[in-house]
């Protein structure tokens, strides 16, 4: 039994004593292969090669970075606000925070470096998580961070009023130092989604290629000659492989019989499996599937509700947690500060603000000062009936 088909048959245990009276091609199944759970693999297989993951990360990072931060009791001229508005010569505030949130979502970790002049932070830089390593002390807490780049290894000692590195993490129940990425939790549906896409691509490239056994068993007991075998193999590759031959019926003669050995696309239902995997990926990132264009209740009212839930349940908690860590980290240099997201700038929450103002306006038992405080303004503004947010 010559060639590739013969080798497959011998591997499967079909070894005839003489030239076979039955010739066949066997396609077996293999074990599942999962993406390695490290930053490079997740970034490559997820962010770079999966449209759902890419859009989910961009959606969360861009929404969080575009949400303005306010410093209670101070204006934009405060040194801390000026630093966040222009953290370094190459980036503005939104681009800088976009990178921080992006690293946090892909890796579960984000590292910010503070460059000091005369003991005061003057510039902030976002460092790549895959190049950073935590150096733990005898008590288990980080005492330094090692950053490898360009063949060099830089060590940042966590000393001084403002430690040079701020390490932001997402909760990880199994690690004392490193955070857990949403992409890691969604690694299985991510692999399923990528595999379904690769299968569909292969179907286009190798459409109608036989996936089963081509059996030759004439009643006379004759066998295929080497010439017939070579011609049959060449005809299969030339006439039934490739997207141009998709759906082309298989013509058999001379005692040949086709016996499928694998499940059909309908039986495997790759479309449904891919859609389910995409929804699980969106769930891990806290993004309503509707916002990613996934099949669902695609109506205007549902979109508005999904957008509001996206901000309330994902974006705002992420921004508040990050802003609190930044304020506490830089507090020794700029004094006590409380950074808060400006929710009035979120268009998705406009209906909530209107409802609040309407309820407060109708509360006759509240004084004018109490009404102002209830909607987030100072009790006494600079003029009659006016004022700035507290």
Protein backbone atom coordinates (compact mmCIF):
# COMPACT_ATOMS: atom_id res chain seq x y z
CA UNK A 1 0.00 0.00 0.00
CA UNK A 2 2.15 2.93 -1.24
CA UNK A 3 2.54 6.49 -0.06
CA UNK A 4 0.85 8.51 2.61
CA UNK A 5 -2.31 6.38 2.75
CA UNK A 6 -0.26 3.26 3.41
CA UNK A 7 1.60 4.91 6.29
CA UNK A 8 -1.67 6.02 7.86
CA UNK A 9 -3.11 2.55 7.54
CA UNK A 10 -0.08 0.93 9.18
CA UNK A 11 -0.21 3.49 12.02
CA UNK A 12 -3.87 2.59 12.58
CA UNK A 13 -3.07 -1.12 12.71
CA UNK A 14 -4.28 -2.06 9.22
CA UNK A 15 -1.29 -3.93 7.75
CA UNK A 16 -2.32 -6.35 4.96
CA UNK A 17 0.03 -9.18 4.00
CA UNK A 18 -0.15 -8.37 0.30
CA UNK A 19 -1.17 -5.41 -1.80
CA UNK A 20 -4.52 -4.43 -0.28
CA UNK A 21 -7.80 -5.37 -1.82
CA UNK A 22 -9.21 -2.40 0.21
CA UNK A 23 -7.63 1.06 -0.05
CA UNK A 24 -8.70 3.85 2.26
CA UNK A 25 -7.69 7.19 3.78
CA UNK A 26 -8.13 7.60 7.55
CA UNK A 27 -8.45 10.97 9.33
CA UNK A 28 -8.39 10.66 13.12
CA UNK A 29 -9.10 13.14 15.90
CA UNK A 30 -6.40 14.72 18.10
CA UNK A 31 -6.32 16.01 21.65
CA UNK A 32 -7.21 19.62 22.45
CA UNK A 33 -4.32 22.08 22.61
CA UNK A 34 -4.78 25.09 24.91
CA UNK A 35 -3.02 28.44 24.81
CA UNK A 36 -0.14 28.79 27.25
CA UNK A 37 -1.21 31.11 30.05
CA UNK A 38 1.56 33.69 29.93
CA UNK A 39 1.50 37.34 28.85
CA UNK A 40 3.08 36.85 25.42
CA UNK A 41 0.82 33.93 24.50
CA UNK A 42 -2.34 35.67 25.73
CA UNK A 43 -1.42 38.91 23.96
CA UNK A 44 -0.65 37.06 20.73
CA UNK A 45 -3.56 34.59 20.68
CA UNK A 46 -6.03 36.97 22.30
CA UNK A 47 -5.45 40.65 21.64
CA UNK A 48 -3.66 40.26 18.32
CA UNK A 49 -5.60 37.38 16.74
CA UNK A 50 -9.07 37.46 18.26
CA UNK A 51 -11.46 40.23 17.25
CA UNK A 52 -13.73 39.80 20.29
CA UNK A 53 -10.86 40.08 22.80
CA UNK A 54 -9.29 42.96 20.89
CA UNK A 55 -12.52 44.93 20.84
CA UNK A 56 -13.33 44.16 24.48
CA UNK A 57 -9.91 45.38 25.65
CA UNK A 58 -10.07 48.50 23.47
CA UNK A 59 -13.63 49.27 24.57
CA UNK A 60 -12.83 49.09 28.28
CA UNK A 61 -9.44 50.82 28.04
CA UNK A 62 -10.65 53.69 25.86
CA UNK A 63 -13.80 54.26 27.93
CA UNK A 64 -11.80 54.26 31.19
CA UNK A 65 -9.04 56.51 29.82
CA UNK A 66 -11.54 59.04 28.44
CA UNK A 67 -13.34 59.39 31.78
CA UNK A 68 -11.96 62.65 33.29
CA UNK A 69 -10.53 62.64 36.80
CA UNK A 70 -11.21 65.47 39.23
CA UNK A 71 -9.28 66.39 42.38
CA UNK A 72 -11.61 67.32 45.20
CA UNK A 73 -10.99 70.84 46.48
CA UNK A 74 -8.58 71.74 43.65
CA UNK A 75 -8.68 72.72 40.01
CA UNK A 76 -6.76 71.65 36.93
CA UNK A 77 -3.85 73.90 37.92
CA UNK A 78 -2.94 71.63 40.83
CA UNK A 79 0.50 70.00 40.25
CA UNK A 80 -0.98 66.50 40.50
CA UNK A 81 -3.62 67.27 37.86
CA UNK A 82 -0.97 68.86 35.64
CA UNK A 83 1.16 65.72 35.92
CA UNK A 84 -1.75 63.46 35.01
CA UNK A 85 -2.68 65.70 32.08
CA UNK A 86 0.86 65.53 30.69
CA UNK A 87 2.62 62.55 32.31
CA UNK A 88 5.62 62.52 29.95
CA UNK A 89 6.86 64.33 26.81
CA UNK A 90 5.64 61.57 24.48
CA UNK A 91 2.12 61.02 25.81
CA UNK A 92 -0.91 62.94 26.94
CA UNK A 93 -3.04 61.89 29.87
CA UNK A 94 -5.56 59.85 27.87
CA UNK A 95 -2.95 57.96 25.88
CA UNK A 96 -0.95 57.22 29.02
CA UNK A 97 -3.98 55.86 30.91
CA UNK A 98 -5.09 53.93 27.83
CA UNK A 99 -1.80 52.00 27.96
CA UNK A 100 -2.13 51.44 31.72
CA UNK A 101 -5.64 50.02 31.40
CA UNK A 102 -4.66 47.97 28.36
CA UNK A 103 -1.79 46.30 30.21
CA UNK A 104 -4.04 45.70 33.19
CA UNK A 105 -6.67 43.93 31.08
CA UNK A 106 -4.27 41.82 29.02
CA UNK A 107 -1.84 40.92 31.79
CA UNK A 108 -3.75 41.53 35.01
CA UNK A 109 -0.80 43.77 35.95
CA UNK A 110 0.22 47.33 35.14
CA UNK A 111 3.42 49.10 36.21
CA UNK A 112 3.86 52.88 36.38
CA UNK A 113 7.30 54.43 36.82
CA UNK A 114 7.71 57.82 38.49
CA UNK A 115 10.74 59.92 37.46
CA UNK A 116 11.64 62.37 40.21
CA UNK A 117 13.50 65.68 40.19
CA UNK A 118 14.39 67.14 43.59
CA UNK A 119 12.18 64.54 45.27
CA UNK A 120 9.06 65.43 43.27
CA UNK A 121 7.63 63.19 40.52
CA UNK A 122 7.88 65.04 37.20
CA UNK A 123 7.08 62.30 34.71
CA UNK A 124 5.11 59.03 34.66
CA UNK A 125 5.72 56.10 32.30
CA UNK A 126 3.77 52.88 31.73
CA UNK A 127 6.10 49.84 31.62
CA UNK A 128 5.48 46.53 29.87
CA UNK A 129 4.31 43.84 32.33
CA UNK A 130 6.15 40.98 30.62
CA UNK A 131 9.49 42.69 31.27
CA UNK A 132 8.89 43.30 34.98
CA UNK A 133 9.61 40.95 37.85
CA UNK A 134 8.68 41.37 41.50
CA UNK A 135 11.58 41.05 43.95
CA UNK A 136 10.14 39.95 47.29
CA UNK A 137 11.82 40.53 50.62
CA UNK A 138 12.16 38.23 53.60
CA UNK A 139 8.66 39.14 54.77
CA UNK A 140 7.15 38.34 51.37
CA UNK A 141 6.35 41.94 50.42
CA UNK A 142 7.96 43.50 47.31
CA UNK A 143 11.15 45.38 48.12
CA UNK A 144 12.16 46.05 44.51
CA UNK A 145 11.18 45.52 40.90
CA UNK A 146 13.52 44.22 38.17
CA UNK A 147 12.91 45.43 34.60
CA UNK A 148 14.65 43.69 31.69
CA UNK A 149 14.98 45.61 28.41
CA UNK A 150 17.61 45.83 25.68
CA UNK A 151 19.80 43.18 27.28
CA UNK A 152 19.95 45.20 30.51
CA UNK A 153 18.31 44.55 33.85
CA UNK A 154 17.23 47.60 35.82
CA UNK A 155 16.41 47.34 39.52
CA UNK A 156 13.97 49.74 41.13
CA UNK A 157 14.32 49.82 44.92
CA UNK A 158 10.99 50.61 46.56
CA UNK A 159 12.39 53.27 48.84
CA UNK A 160 11.83 56.98 49.36
CA UNK A 161 8.66 58.96 50.05
CA UNK A 162 7.31 58.04 46.59
CA UNK A 163 8.47 54.53 45.54
CA UNK A 164 9.57 54.56 41.89
CA UNK A 165 7.10 51.82 40.80
CA UNK A 166 3.35 51.62 41.29
CA UNK A 167 2.13 48.07 40.70
CA UNK A 168 -1.56 47.83 39.80
CA UNK A 169 -3.15 44.37 39.84
CA UNK A 170 -6.48 42.67 39.33
CA UNK A 171 -7.52 40.23 42.04
CA UNK A 172 -5.77 36.87 41.87
CA UNK A 173 -6.69 34.30 44.54
CA UNK A 174 -3.66 32.10 43.81
CA UNK A 175 -0.79 34.59 43.65
CA UNK A 176 0.60 36.97 46.26
CA UNK A 177 2.15 39.43 43.81
CA UNK A 178 0.73 39.16 40.30
CA UNK A 179 -2.80 39.86 39.12
CA UNK A 180 -5.13 37.65 37.10
CA UNK A 181 -6.05 38.78 33.59
CA UNK A 182 -9.66 38.45 32.37
CA UNK A 183 -8.14 36.90 29.26
CA UNK A 184 -6.67 34.12 31.39
CA UNK A 185 -10.10 33.34 32.83
CA UNK A 186 -11.45 33.29 29.27
CA UNK A 187 -8.61 31.17 27.86
CA UNK A 188 -10.81 28.15 27.08
CA UNK A 189 -13.53 30.05 25.16
CA UNK A 190 -10.73 32.05 23.52
CA UNK A 191 -9.14 28.85 22.19
CA UNK A 192 -12.53 27.56 21.06
CA UNK A 193 -13.27 30.81 19.24
CA UNK A 194 -9.86 30.85 17.54
CA UNK A 195 -10.13 27.15 16.63
CA UNK A 196 -13.57 27.70 15.09
CA UNK A 197 -12.18 30.56 13.03
CA UNK A 198 -9.22 28.46 11.91
CA UNK A 199 -11.57 25.61 11.01
CA UNK A 200 -13.71 27.90 8.89
CA UNK A 201 -10.61 29.24 7.14
CA UNK A 202 -9.40 25.70 6.48
CA UNK A 203 -12.83 24.82 5.13
CA UNK A 204 -12.48 27.60 2.58
CA UNK A 205 -8.95 26.56 1.67
CA UNK A 206 -9.73 22.83 1.51
CA UNK A 207 -13.42 22.82 0.76
CA UNK A 208 -14.91 19.39 -0.03
CA UNK A 209 -11.67 17.62 0.68
CA UNK A 210 -12.56 14.04 1.71
CA UNK A 211 -12.59 13.50 5.48
CA UNK A 212 -13.17 9.79 5.78
CA UNK A 213 -12.44 6.47 4.10
CA UNK A 214 -12.24 5.90 0.35
CA UNK A 215 -12.89 2.18 0.08
CA UNK A 216 -12.01 0.00 -2.94
CA UNK A 217 -13.53 -3.43 -2.53
CA UNK A 218 -14.72 -4.95 -5.81
CA UNK A 219 -16.33 -8.35 -5.72
CA UNK A 220 -13.61 -9.80 -7.94
CA UNK A 221 -11.00 -9.25 -5.27
CA UNK A 222 -8.80 -7.15 -7.59
CA UNK A 223 -6.63 -4.41 -6.10
CA UNK A 224 -5.57 -0.95 -7.27
CA UNK A 225 -2.30 -0.91 -9.16
CA UNK A 226 0.39 1.63 -8.30
CA UNK A 227 -0.49 3.64 -11.40
CA UNK A 228 -4.21 3.66 -10.55
CA UNK A 229 -3.46 4.64 -6.96
CA UNK A 230 -1.24 7.56 -8.05
CA UNK A 231 -3.81 8.77 -10.59
CA UNK A 232 -6.64 8.60 -8.04
CA UNK A 233 -4.66 10.58 -5.48
CA UNK A 234 -3.75 13.25 -8.04
CA UNK A 235 -7.37 13.58 -9.18
CA UNK A 236 -8.57 14.04 -5.59
CA UNK A 237 -6.02 16.77 -4.91
CA UNK A 238 -6.64 18.56 -8.21
CA UNK A 239 -10.42 18.30 -8.44
CA UNK A 240 -11.73 18.27 -4.87
CA UNK A 241 -9.38 20.44 -2.85
CA UNK A 242 -9.40 24.25 -2.54
CA UNK A 243 -12.06 26.94 -2.30
CA UNK A 244 -12.71 26.82 -6.07
CA UNK A 245 -13.96 23.23 -5.67
CA UNK A 246 -16.15 23.87 -2.60
CA UNK A 247 -19.26 21.69 -2.65
CA UNK A 248 -18.22 19.78 -5.74
CA UNK A 249 -19.71 16.26 -5.70
CA UNK A 250 -17.33 13.33 -5.49
CA UNK A 251 -17.55 11.08 -8.59
CA UNK A 252 -16.59 7.46 -7.96
CA UNK A 253 -16.25 4.48 -10.30
CA UNK A 254 -14.58 1.11 -10.53
CA UNK A 255 -15.81 -0.24 -7.22
CA UNK A 256 -14.85 2.84 -5.17
CA UNK A 257 -17.08 3.74 -2.21
CA UNK A 258 -16.94 6.85 0.00
CA UNK A 259 -17.60 6.37 3.71
CA UNK A 260 -17.50 9.55 5.85
CA UNK A 261 -15.76 9.09 9.18
CA UNK A 262 -16.08 12.58 10.67
CA UNK A 263 -18.95 14.80 11.80
CA UNK A 264 -20.34 17.28 9.34
CA UNK A 265 -20.20 21.05 10.00
CA UNK A 266 -23.91 20.94 10.82
CA UNK A 267 -23.37 18.22 13.40
CA UNK A 268 -20.42 20.02 14.94
CA UNK A 269 -22.36 23.32 14.84
CA UNK A 270 -19.28 25.52 14.78
CA UNK A 271 -21.30 28.69 14.35
CA UNK A 272 -23.16 28.20 17.63
CA UNK A 273 -19.99 27.13 19.43
CA UNK A 274 -18.19 30.23 18.20
CA UNK A 275 -21.05 32.53 19.27
CA UNK A 276 -21.19 30.94 22.73
CA UNK A 277 -17.42 31.30 23.13
CA UNK A 278 -17.62 34.97 22.12
CA UNK A 279 -20.25 35.64 24.79
CA UNK A 280 -18.10 33.95 27.44
CA UNK A 281 -15.16 36.14 26.45
CA UNK A 282 -17.34 39.26 26.75
CA UNK A 283 -18.54 38.04 30.15
CA UNK A 284 -14.97 37.69 31.44
CA UNK A 285 -14.18 41.28 30.43
CA UNK A 286 -17.41 42.68 31.87
CA UNK A 287 -18.58 43.96 28.49
CA UNK A 288 -22.23 43.40 27.51
CA UNK A 289 -22.24 41.25 24.34
CA UNK A 290 -24.55 43.78 22.72
CA UNK A 291 -21.76 46.40 22.76
CA UNK A 292 -19.47 44.01 20.87
CA UNK A 293 -21.99 43.40 18.10
CA UNK A 294 -22.68 39.82 19.19
CA UNK A 295 -26.10 38.31 18.47
CA UNK A 296 -28.71 39.20 21.07
CA UNK A 297 -31.46 41.69 21.81
CA UNK A 298 -30.25 44.34 19.40
CA UNK A 299 -32.67 47.18 20.07
CA UNK A 300 -32.03 50.83 20.89
CA UNK A 301 -33.48 50.54 24.39
CA UNK A 302 -31.40 47.46 25.18
CA UNK A 303 -28.27 49.16 23.84
CA UNK A 304 -28.77 52.16 26.14
CA UNK A 305 -29.26 49.88 29.15
CA UNK A 306 -26.22 47.80 28.22
CA UNK A 307 -24.08 50.92 27.84
CA UNK A 308 -25.17 52.20 31.24
CA UNK A 309 -24.49 48.81 32.86
CA UNK A 310 -21.08 48.72 31.16
CA UNK A 311 -20.06 51.99 32.81
CA UNK A 312 -21.61 51.24 36.20
CA UNK A 313 -20.33 47.68 36.56
CA UNK A 314 -16.99 47.76 34.73
CA UNK A 315 -15.57 51.14 33.74
CA UNK A 316 -16.32 53.28 36.82
CA UNK A 317 -15.10 50.70 39.40
CA UNK A 318 -11.91 50.21 37.37
CA UNK A 319 -11.27 53.97 37.13
CA UNK A 320 -11.99 54.56 40.83
CA UNK A 321 -9.67 51.76 41.91
CA UNK A 322 -6.88 53.06 39.67
CA UNK A 323 -7.41 56.70 40.69
CA UNK A 324 -7.31 55.78 44.38
CA UNK A 325 -4.03 53.89 43.91
CA UNK A 326 -2.49 56.82 42.00
CA UNK A 327 -3.55 59.34 44.67
CA UNK A 328 -2.20 57.26 47.55
CA UNK A 329 1.07 56.58 45.71
CA UNK A 330 1.74 60.26 44.93
CA UNK A 331 0.35 61.64 48.19
CA UNK A 332 3.77 62.14 49.86
CA UNK A 333 4.79 64.50 47.04
CA UNK A 334 1.52 66.38 46.42
CA UNK A 335 -0.25 66.13 49.75
CA UNK A 336 -3.49 64.34 50.62
CA UNK A 337 -5.64 64.04 47.54
CA UNK A 338 -8.77 62.30 46.42
CA UNK A 339 -9.14 61.60 42.73
CA UNK A 340 -12.66 60.87 41.50
CA UNK A 341 -14.05 60.23 38.00
CA UNK A 342 -16.28 63.03 36.69
CA UNK A 343 -19.49 61.11 36.09
CA UNK A 344 -21.17 64.20 34.61
CA UNK A 345 -18.95 63.65 31.56
CA UNK A 346 -20.43 60.19 30.90
CA UNK A 347 -23.16 60.53 28.30
CA UNK A 348 -24.47 57.05 29.08
CA UNK A 349 -25.43 58.23 32.59
CA UNK A 350 -27.32 61.35 31.42
CA UNK A 351 -30.72 59.81 32.11
CA UNK A 352 -29.66 58.98 35.68
CA UNK A 353 -28.60 62.59 36.29
CA UNK A 354 -31.85 63.94 34.89
CA UNK A 355 -33.85 61.60 37.12
CA UNK A 356 -31.84 62.66 40.19
CA UNK A 357 -32.27 66.37 39.48
CA UNK A 358 -35.97 65.90 38.92
CA UNK A 359 -36.42 64.07 42.23
CA UNK A 360 -34.33 66.61 44.15
CA UNK A 361 -36.16 69.53 42.57
CA UNK A 362 -39.48 68.09 43.70
CA UNK A 363 -38.31 67.55 47.30
CA UNK A 364 -39.93 70.58 48.96
CA UNK A 365 -38.63 69.58 52.41
CA UNK A 366 -35.00 70.22 51.31
CA UNK A 367 -33.38 73.64 51.48
CA UNK A 368 -31.57 75.14 48.49
CA UNK A 369 -28.21 74.28 50.06
CA UNK A 370 -29.27 70.68 50.71
CA UNK A 371 -30.50 70.31 47.14
CA UNK A 372 -27.15 71.55 45.84
CA UNK A 373 -25.29 69.06 47.99
CA UNK A 374 -27.62 66.22 46.90
CA UNK A 375 -26.65 66.71 43.25
CA UNK A 376 -22.93 67.13 43.96
CA UNK A 377 -22.50 70.91 44.14
CA UNK A 378 -21.15 73.08 46.94
CA UNK A 379 -23.75 74.19 49.47
CA UNK A 380 -22.87 77.85 48.91
CA UNK A 381 -21.77 78.95 45.46
CA UNK A 382 -19.95 82.17 44.56
CA UNK A 383 -23.24 83.80 43.60
CA UNK A 384 -26.96 83.48 44.07
CA UNK A 385 -28.07 80.08 42.71
CA UNK A 386 -24.68 79.31 41.14
CA UNK A 387 -21.61 77.40 42.13
CA UNK A 388 -19.11 74.82 41.11
CA UNK A 389 -19.09 71.13 41.89
CA UNK A 390 -17.73 70.18 45.26
